[in-house]
N, C-alpha and C. Protein backbone atom coordinates (compact mmCIF):
# COMPACT_ATOMS: atom_id res chain seq x y z
N UNK A 1 -40.48 53.59 -10.11
CA UNK A 1 -40.93 53.32 -8.76
C UNK A 1 -39.81 53.49 -7.77
N UNK A 2 -40.17 54.03 -6.63
CA UNK A 2 -39.22 54.17 -5.53
C UNK A 2 -39.80 53.46 -4.33
N UNK A 3 -39.00 52.67 -3.68
CA UNK A 3 -39.40 52.01 -2.46
C UNK A 3 -38.70 52.67 -1.28
N UNK A 4 -39.45 52.88 -0.21
CA UNK A 4 -38.93 53.56 0.97
C UNK A 4 -39.14 52.66 2.20
N UNK A 5 -38.10 52.50 2.97
CA UNK A 5 -38.19 51.71 4.18
C UNK A 5 -37.64 52.51 5.35
N UNK A 6 -38.56 52.79 6.30
CA UNK A 6 -38.15 53.57 7.49
C UNK A 6 -37.72 52.61 8.60
N UNK A 7 -36.86 53.12 9.47
CA UNK A 7 -36.46 52.36 10.65
C UNK A 7 -36.03 53.33 11.73
N UNK A 8 -35.88 52.80 12.95
CA UNK A 8 -35.35 53.62 14.03
C UNK A 8 -36.39 54.11 15.03
N UNK A 9 -37.67 53.89 14.74
CA UNK A 9 -38.68 54.32 15.69
C UNK A 9 -38.65 53.49 16.95
N UNK A 10 -39.38 53.94 17.95
CA UNK A 10 -39.44 53.21 19.20
C UNK A 10 -39.92 54.10 20.33
N UNK A 11 -39.67 53.63 21.53
CA UNK A 11 -40.05 54.36 22.74
C UNK A 11 -38.84 55.10 23.29
N UNK A 12 -39.03 56.37 23.61
CA UNK A 12 -37.95 57.16 24.17
C UNK A 12 -38.53 58.04 25.28
N UNK A 13 -37.74 58.29 26.30
CA UNK A 13 -38.19 59.17 27.37
C UNK A 13 -38.07 60.61 26.94
N UNK A 14 -38.89 61.45 27.50
CA UNK A 14 -38.84 62.88 27.20
C UNK A 14 -37.45 63.41 27.45
N UNK A 15 -36.98 64.19 26.50
CA UNK A 15 -35.63 64.73 26.57
C UNK A 15 -34.59 63.88 25.90
N UNK A 16 -34.98 62.67 25.54
CA UNK A 16 -34.01 61.75 24.96
C UNK A 16 -33.88 61.89 23.45
N UNK A 17 -32.84 61.29 22.90
CA UNK A 17 -32.60 61.33 21.45
C UNK A 17 -33.14 60.07 20.76
N UNK A 18 -33.37 60.21 19.48
CA UNK A 18 -33.77 59.09 18.64
C UNK A 18 -33.40 59.44 17.22
N UNK A 19 -32.97 58.48 16.45
CA UNK A 19 -32.64 58.75 15.05
C UNK A 19 -33.47 57.84 14.14
N UNK A 20 -34.16 58.44 13.23
CA UNK A 20 -34.93 57.72 12.22
C UNK A 20 -34.16 57.67 10.92
N UNK A 21 -34.30 56.55 10.21
CA UNK A 21 -33.66 56.41 8.92
C UNK A 21 -34.68 56.01 7.88
N UNK A 22 -34.43 56.40 6.64
CA UNK A 22 -35.30 56.01 5.55
C UNK A 22 -34.42 55.72 4.34
N UNK A 23 -34.41 54.47 3.92
CA UNK A 23 -33.60 54.04 2.79
C UNK A 23 -34.46 53.93 1.55
N UNK A 24 -34.01 54.58 0.49
CA UNK A 24 -34.74 54.55 -0.77
C UNK A 24 -34.06 53.58 -1.73
N UNK A 25 -34.86 52.90 -2.52
CA UNK A 25 -34.33 52.01 -3.55
C UNK A 25 -35.23 52.08 -4.77
N UNK A 26 -34.74 51.55 -5.87
CA UNK A 26 -35.51 51.60 -7.12
C UNK A 26 -35.03 52.76 -7.96
N UNK A 27 -35.96 53.54 -8.49
CA UNK A 27 -35.63 54.65 -9.38
C UNK A 27 -35.24 55.89 -8.62
N UNK A 28 -34.15 55.78 -7.88
CA UNK A 28 -33.74 56.87 -6.97
C UNK A 28 -33.22 58.08 -7.74
N UNK A 29 -32.88 57.94 -8.98
CA UNK A 29 -32.37 59.06 -9.76
C UNK A 29 -33.39 60.18 -9.89
N UNK A 30 -34.66 59.84 -9.72
CA UNK A 30 -35.73 60.84 -9.88
C UNK A 30 -35.99 61.61 -8.60
N UNK A 31 -35.35 61.25 -7.50
CA UNK A 31 -35.60 61.90 -6.23
C UNK A 31 -34.91 63.24 -6.17
N UNK A 32 -35.69 64.29 -5.86
CA UNK A 32 -35.10 65.61 -5.62
C UNK A 32 -35.30 66.04 -4.18
N UNK A 33 -36.47 65.82 -3.65
CA UNK A 33 -36.77 66.23 -2.29
C UNK A 33 -37.07 64.98 -1.44
N UNK A 34 -36.52 64.97 -0.25
CA UNK A 34 -36.83 63.91 0.72
C UNK A 34 -37.36 64.58 1.99
N UNK A 35 -38.34 63.99 2.58
CA UNK A 35 -39.00 64.66 3.71
C UNK A 35 -39.47 63.64 4.74
N UNK A 36 -39.71 64.16 5.92
CA UNK A 36 -40.36 63.42 6.99
C UNK A 36 -41.68 64.11 7.33
N UNK A 37 -42.73 63.32 7.39
CA UNK A 37 -44.04 63.75 7.85
C UNK A 37 -44.36 62.94 9.10
N UNK A 38 -45.35 63.41 9.83
CA UNK A 38 -45.84 62.64 10.97
C UNK A 38 -47.34 62.80 11.09
N UNK A 39 -47.95 61.81 11.71
CA UNK A 39 -49.37 61.89 12.00
C UNK A 39 -49.61 61.37 13.41
N UNK A 40 -50.10 62.25 14.27
CA UNK A 40 -50.46 61.87 15.62
C UNK A 40 -51.91 61.41 15.62
N UNK A 41 -52.29 60.61 16.58
CA UNK A 41 -53.69 60.13 16.64
C UNK A 41 -54.68 61.27 16.62
N UNK A 42 -55.64 61.20 15.74
CA UNK A 42 -56.69 62.21 15.67
C UNK A 42 -56.27 63.52 15.03
N UNK A 43 -55.07 63.55 14.47
CA UNK A 43 -54.59 64.81 13.87
C UNK A 43 -54.27 64.60 12.39
N UNK A 44 -54.12 65.71 11.69
CA UNK A 44 -53.75 65.65 10.28
C UNK A 44 -52.26 65.36 10.11
N UNK A 45 -51.95 64.85 8.95
CA UNK A 45 -50.54 64.62 8.64
C UNK A 45 -49.82 65.97 8.61
N UNK A 46 -48.63 66.02 9.15
CA UNK A 46 -47.89 67.25 9.31
C UNK A 46 -46.46 67.09 8.77
N UNK A 47 -46.02 68.08 8.00
CA UNK A 47 -44.62 68.07 7.57
C UNK A 47 -43.73 68.36 8.76
N UNK A 48 -42.72 67.52 8.96
CA UNK A 48 -41.75 67.74 10.04
C UNK A 48 -40.54 68.45 9.50
N UNK A 49 -39.95 67.92 8.43
CA UNK A 49 -38.76 68.50 7.84
C UNK A 49 -38.60 67.98 6.44
N UNK A 50 -37.96 68.79 5.60
CA UNK A 50 -37.72 68.40 4.21
C UNK A 50 -36.35 68.90 3.76
N UNK A 51 -35.75 68.19 2.86
CA UNK A 51 -34.46 68.60 2.34
C UNK A 51 -34.44 68.37 0.82
N UNK A 52 -34.02 69.45 0.12
CA UNK A 52 -33.84 69.35 -1.32
C UNK A 52 -32.34 69.49 -1.61
N UNK A 53 -32.05 70.08 -2.75
CA UNK A 53 -30.64 70.25 -3.11
C UNK A 53 -30.09 71.48 -2.41
N UNK A 54 -29.46 71.24 -1.23
CA UNK A 54 -28.84 72.34 -0.50
C UNK A 54 -29.82 73.19 0.31
N UNK A 55 -31.02 72.70 0.49
CA UNK A 55 -32.02 73.49 1.20
C UNK A 55 -32.78 72.59 2.16
N UNK A 56 -33.02 73.08 3.37
CA UNK A 56 -33.80 72.32 4.36
C UNK A 56 -34.83 73.24 4.99
N UNK A 57 -35.93 72.68 5.44
CA UNK A 57 -36.90 73.46 6.19
C UNK A 57 -37.57 72.57 7.21
N UNK A 58 -38.02 73.20 8.27
CA UNK A 58 -38.60 72.49 9.43
C UNK A 58 -39.92 73.14 9.83
N UNK A 59 -40.80 72.35 10.39
CA UNK A 59 -41.95 72.95 11.02
C UNK A 59 -41.51 73.63 12.32
N UNK A 60 -42.19 74.69 12.70
CA UNK A 60 -41.74 75.52 13.81
C UNK A 60 -41.55 74.72 15.11
N UNK A 61 -42.40 73.75 15.35
CA UNK A 61 -42.39 73.06 16.63
C UNK A 61 -41.14 72.19 16.83
N UNK A 62 -40.41 71.90 15.75
CA UNK A 62 -39.22 71.05 15.89
C UNK A 62 -37.92 71.79 15.64
N UNK A 63 -38.01 73.05 15.25
CA UNK A 63 -36.78 73.84 14.97
C UNK A 63 -35.91 73.88 16.20
N UNK A 64 -34.64 73.63 15.99
CA UNK A 64 -33.69 73.59 17.12
C UNK A 64 -33.64 72.29 17.85
N UNK A 65 -34.57 71.38 17.55
CA UNK A 65 -34.56 70.06 18.23
C UNK A 65 -34.32 68.91 17.27
N UNK A 66 -34.87 69.00 16.08
CA UNK A 66 -34.75 67.93 15.07
C UNK A 66 -33.79 68.38 13.98
N UNK A 67 -33.10 67.42 13.40
CA UNK A 67 -32.21 67.69 12.29
C UNK A 67 -32.41 66.67 11.18
N UNK A 68 -32.68 67.15 9.98
CA UNK A 68 -32.79 66.27 8.85
C UNK A 68 -31.48 66.28 8.09
N UNK A 69 -31.06 65.11 7.65
CA UNK A 69 -29.83 65.02 6.87
C UNK A 69 -30.01 63.96 5.80
N UNK A 70 -29.13 64.01 4.81
CA UNK A 70 -29.33 63.15 3.65
C UNK A 70 -28.01 62.62 3.16
N UNK A 71 -27.94 61.36 2.89
CA UNK A 71 -26.78 60.75 2.32
C UNK A 71 -27.12 60.34 0.89
N UNK A 72 -26.73 61.16 -0.07
CA UNK A 72 -27.12 60.91 -1.45
C UNK A 72 -26.48 59.65 -2.03
N UNK A 73 -25.29 59.35 -1.56
CA UNK A 73 -24.62 58.15 -2.03
C UNK A 73 -25.36 56.88 -1.60
N UNK A 74 -25.97 56.93 -0.42
CA UNK A 74 -26.70 55.78 0.11
C UNK A 74 -28.22 55.90 -0.10
N UNK A 75 -28.63 57.03 -0.72
CA UNK A 75 -30.09 57.26 -0.94
C UNK A 75 -30.86 57.11 0.36
N UNK A 76 -30.34 57.70 1.39
CA UNK A 76 -30.94 57.59 2.72
C UNK A 76 -31.11 58.99 3.32
N UNK A 77 -32.25 59.16 3.98
CA UNK A 77 -32.49 60.41 4.71
C UNK A 77 -32.70 60.05 6.17
N UNK A 78 -32.20 60.92 7.03
CA UNK A 78 -32.26 60.69 8.48
C UNK A 78 -33.03 61.82 9.14
N UNK A 79 -33.57 61.51 10.27
CA UNK A 79 -34.16 62.54 11.12
C UNK A 79 -33.67 62.29 12.54
N UNK A 80 -32.85 63.21 13.01
CA UNK A 80 -32.31 63.13 14.36
C UNK A 80 -33.23 63.90 15.29
N UNK A 81 -33.83 63.19 16.23
CA UNK A 81 -34.70 63.83 17.23
C UNK A 81 -33.86 64.06 18.49
N UNK A 82 -33.79 65.29 18.91
CA UNK A 82 -33.15 65.63 20.17
C UNK A 82 -34.18 66.31 21.06
N UNK A 83 -34.03 66.09 22.36
CA UNK A 83 -34.98 66.66 23.31
C UNK A 83 -36.42 66.34 22.89
N UNK A 84 -36.67 65.06 22.59
CA UNK A 84 -38.01 64.65 22.18
C UNK A 84 -39.01 64.91 23.31
N UNK A 85 -40.23 65.29 22.93
CA UNK A 85 -41.29 65.61 23.88
C UNK A 85 -42.50 64.72 23.61
N UNK A 86 -43.36 64.54 24.60
CA UNK A 86 -44.55 63.70 24.38
C UNK A 86 -45.38 64.13 23.18
N UNK A 87 -45.41 65.43 22.90
CA UNK A 87 -46.20 65.88 21.75
C UNK A 87 -45.58 65.49 20.42
N UNK A 88 -44.38 64.93 20.45
CA UNK A 88 -43.75 64.42 19.23
C UNK A 88 -44.19 62.99 18.93
N UNK A 89 -44.97 62.40 19.82
CA UNK A 89 -45.45 61.04 19.61
C UNK A 89 -46.33 61.00 18.37
N UNK A 90 -45.97 60.13 17.42
CA UNK A 90 -46.69 60.06 16.14
C UNK A 90 -46.13 58.93 15.31
N UNK A 91 -46.82 58.66 14.24
CA UNK A 91 -46.28 57.76 13.20
C UNK A 91 -45.53 58.64 12.21
N UNK A 92 -44.27 58.36 12.02
CA UNK A 92 -43.41 59.17 11.17
C UNK A 92 -43.23 58.49 9.83
N UNK A 93 -43.47 59.28 8.78
CA UNK A 93 -43.41 58.76 7.41
C UNK A 93 -42.29 59.47 6.65
N UNK A 94 -41.62 58.73 5.81
CA UNK A 94 -40.67 59.26 4.87
C UNK A 94 -41.37 59.44 3.53
N UNK A 95 -41.02 60.51 2.83
CA UNK A 95 -41.62 60.76 1.50
C UNK A 95 -40.57 61.31 0.55
N UNK A 96 -40.74 61.03 -0.73
CA UNK A 96 -39.82 61.58 -1.73
C UNK A 96 -40.61 62.22 -2.86
N UNK A 97 -40.01 63.27 -3.43
CA UNK A 97 -40.65 63.96 -4.52
C UNK A 97 -39.66 64.20 -5.65
N UNK A 98 -40.17 64.23 -6.86
CA UNK A 98 -39.33 64.45 -8.04
C UNK A 98 -39.33 65.92 -8.48
N UNK A 99 -40.17 66.74 -7.86
CA UNK A 99 -40.18 68.17 -8.19
C UNK A 99 -39.01 68.86 -7.47
N UNK A 100 -38.64 70.01 -8.01
CA UNK A 100 -37.61 70.81 -7.34
C UNK A 100 -38.13 71.38 -6.01
N UNK A 101 -39.41 71.60 -5.95
CA UNK A 101 -40.01 72.14 -4.74
C UNK A 101 -41.30 71.39 -4.46
N UNK A 102 -41.46 70.93 -3.24
CA UNK A 102 -42.67 70.22 -2.82
C UNK A 102 -43.35 71.03 -1.74
N UNK A 103 -44.44 71.68 -2.09
CA UNK A 103 -45.11 72.58 -1.16
C UNK A 103 -46.13 71.95 -0.27
N UNK A 104 -46.60 70.77 -0.63
CA UNK A 104 -47.59 70.09 0.20
C UNK A 104 -47.42 68.58 -0.02
N UNK A 105 -48.14 67.82 0.78
CA UNK A 105 -47.95 66.38 0.68
C UNK A 105 -48.47 65.85 -0.66
N UNK A 106 -49.27 66.61 -1.37
CA UNK A 106 -49.74 66.16 -2.69
C UNK A 106 -48.56 66.11 -3.68
N UNK A 107 -47.51 66.88 -3.39
CA UNK A 107 -46.39 66.96 -4.33
C UNK A 107 -45.42 65.81 -4.21
N UNK A 108 -45.59 64.98 -3.18
CA UNK A 108 -44.67 63.86 -2.99
C UNK A 108 -45.19 62.63 -3.73
N UNK A 109 -44.25 61.91 -4.31
CA UNK A 109 -44.62 60.80 -5.20
C UNK A 109 -44.69 59.47 -4.46
N UNK A 110 -43.82 59.28 -3.49
CA UNK A 110 -43.73 57.97 -2.82
C UNK A 110 -43.67 58.17 -1.32
N UNK A 111 -44.24 57.18 -0.62
CA UNK A 111 -44.30 57.23 0.83
C UNK A 111 -43.90 55.88 1.39
N UNK A 112 -43.27 55.95 2.57
CA UNK A 112 -42.96 54.72 3.29
C UNK A 112 -44.16 54.28 4.13
N UNK A 113 -44.01 53.18 4.82
CA UNK A 113 -45.08 52.64 5.64
C UNK A 113 -45.18 53.30 6.99
N UNK A 114 -44.13 53.97 7.40
CA UNK A 114 -44.15 54.69 8.67
C UNK A 114 -43.44 53.92 9.77
N UNK A 115 -42.92 54.67 10.72
CA UNK A 115 -42.28 54.10 11.90
C UNK A 115 -42.81 54.87 13.12
N UNK A 116 -43.23 54.12 14.13
CA UNK A 116 -43.86 54.74 15.29
C UNK A 116 -42.83 55.30 16.25
N UNK A 117 -43.06 56.53 16.68
CA UNK A 117 -42.25 57.15 17.72
C UNK A 117 -43.17 57.48 18.89
N UNK A 118 -42.80 56.98 20.05
CA UNK A 118 -43.57 57.25 21.26
C UNK A 118 -42.64 57.84 22.30
N UNK A 119 -43.01 59.01 22.78
CA UNK A 119 -42.20 59.72 23.77
C UNK A 119 -42.95 59.70 25.09
N UNK A 120 -42.36 59.09 26.09
CA UNK A 120 -43.00 59.01 27.39
C UNK A 120 -42.61 60.23 28.24
N UNK A 121 -43.53 60.67 29.13
CA UNK A 121 -43.25 61.86 29.95
C UNK A 121 -42.09 61.62 30.93
């Protein structure tokens, strides 16, 4: 079992920065991929960014604005939001997967409870 606890969400003005954190505990040795998803009201869950061993990928709408990083020693993954926009408003979830490649949210084994990000115009 892996437990995930997100933090860092809140209210930010458009253009502002925000950093999300997700700390993993438990059977962290099985974690290969760590990712951030988000779900806006009335929309499907969407992959924001993911990082595996030396590889990262982003959804197109956040490329150049968001940065995912990972501290393996602390079993923590971060999402740095820069130039946040109102359309980034969502509940952000951390997820971990034990596969070498996670192509969809079905491939992730554990999920956090989520942290709300609200971007005001």
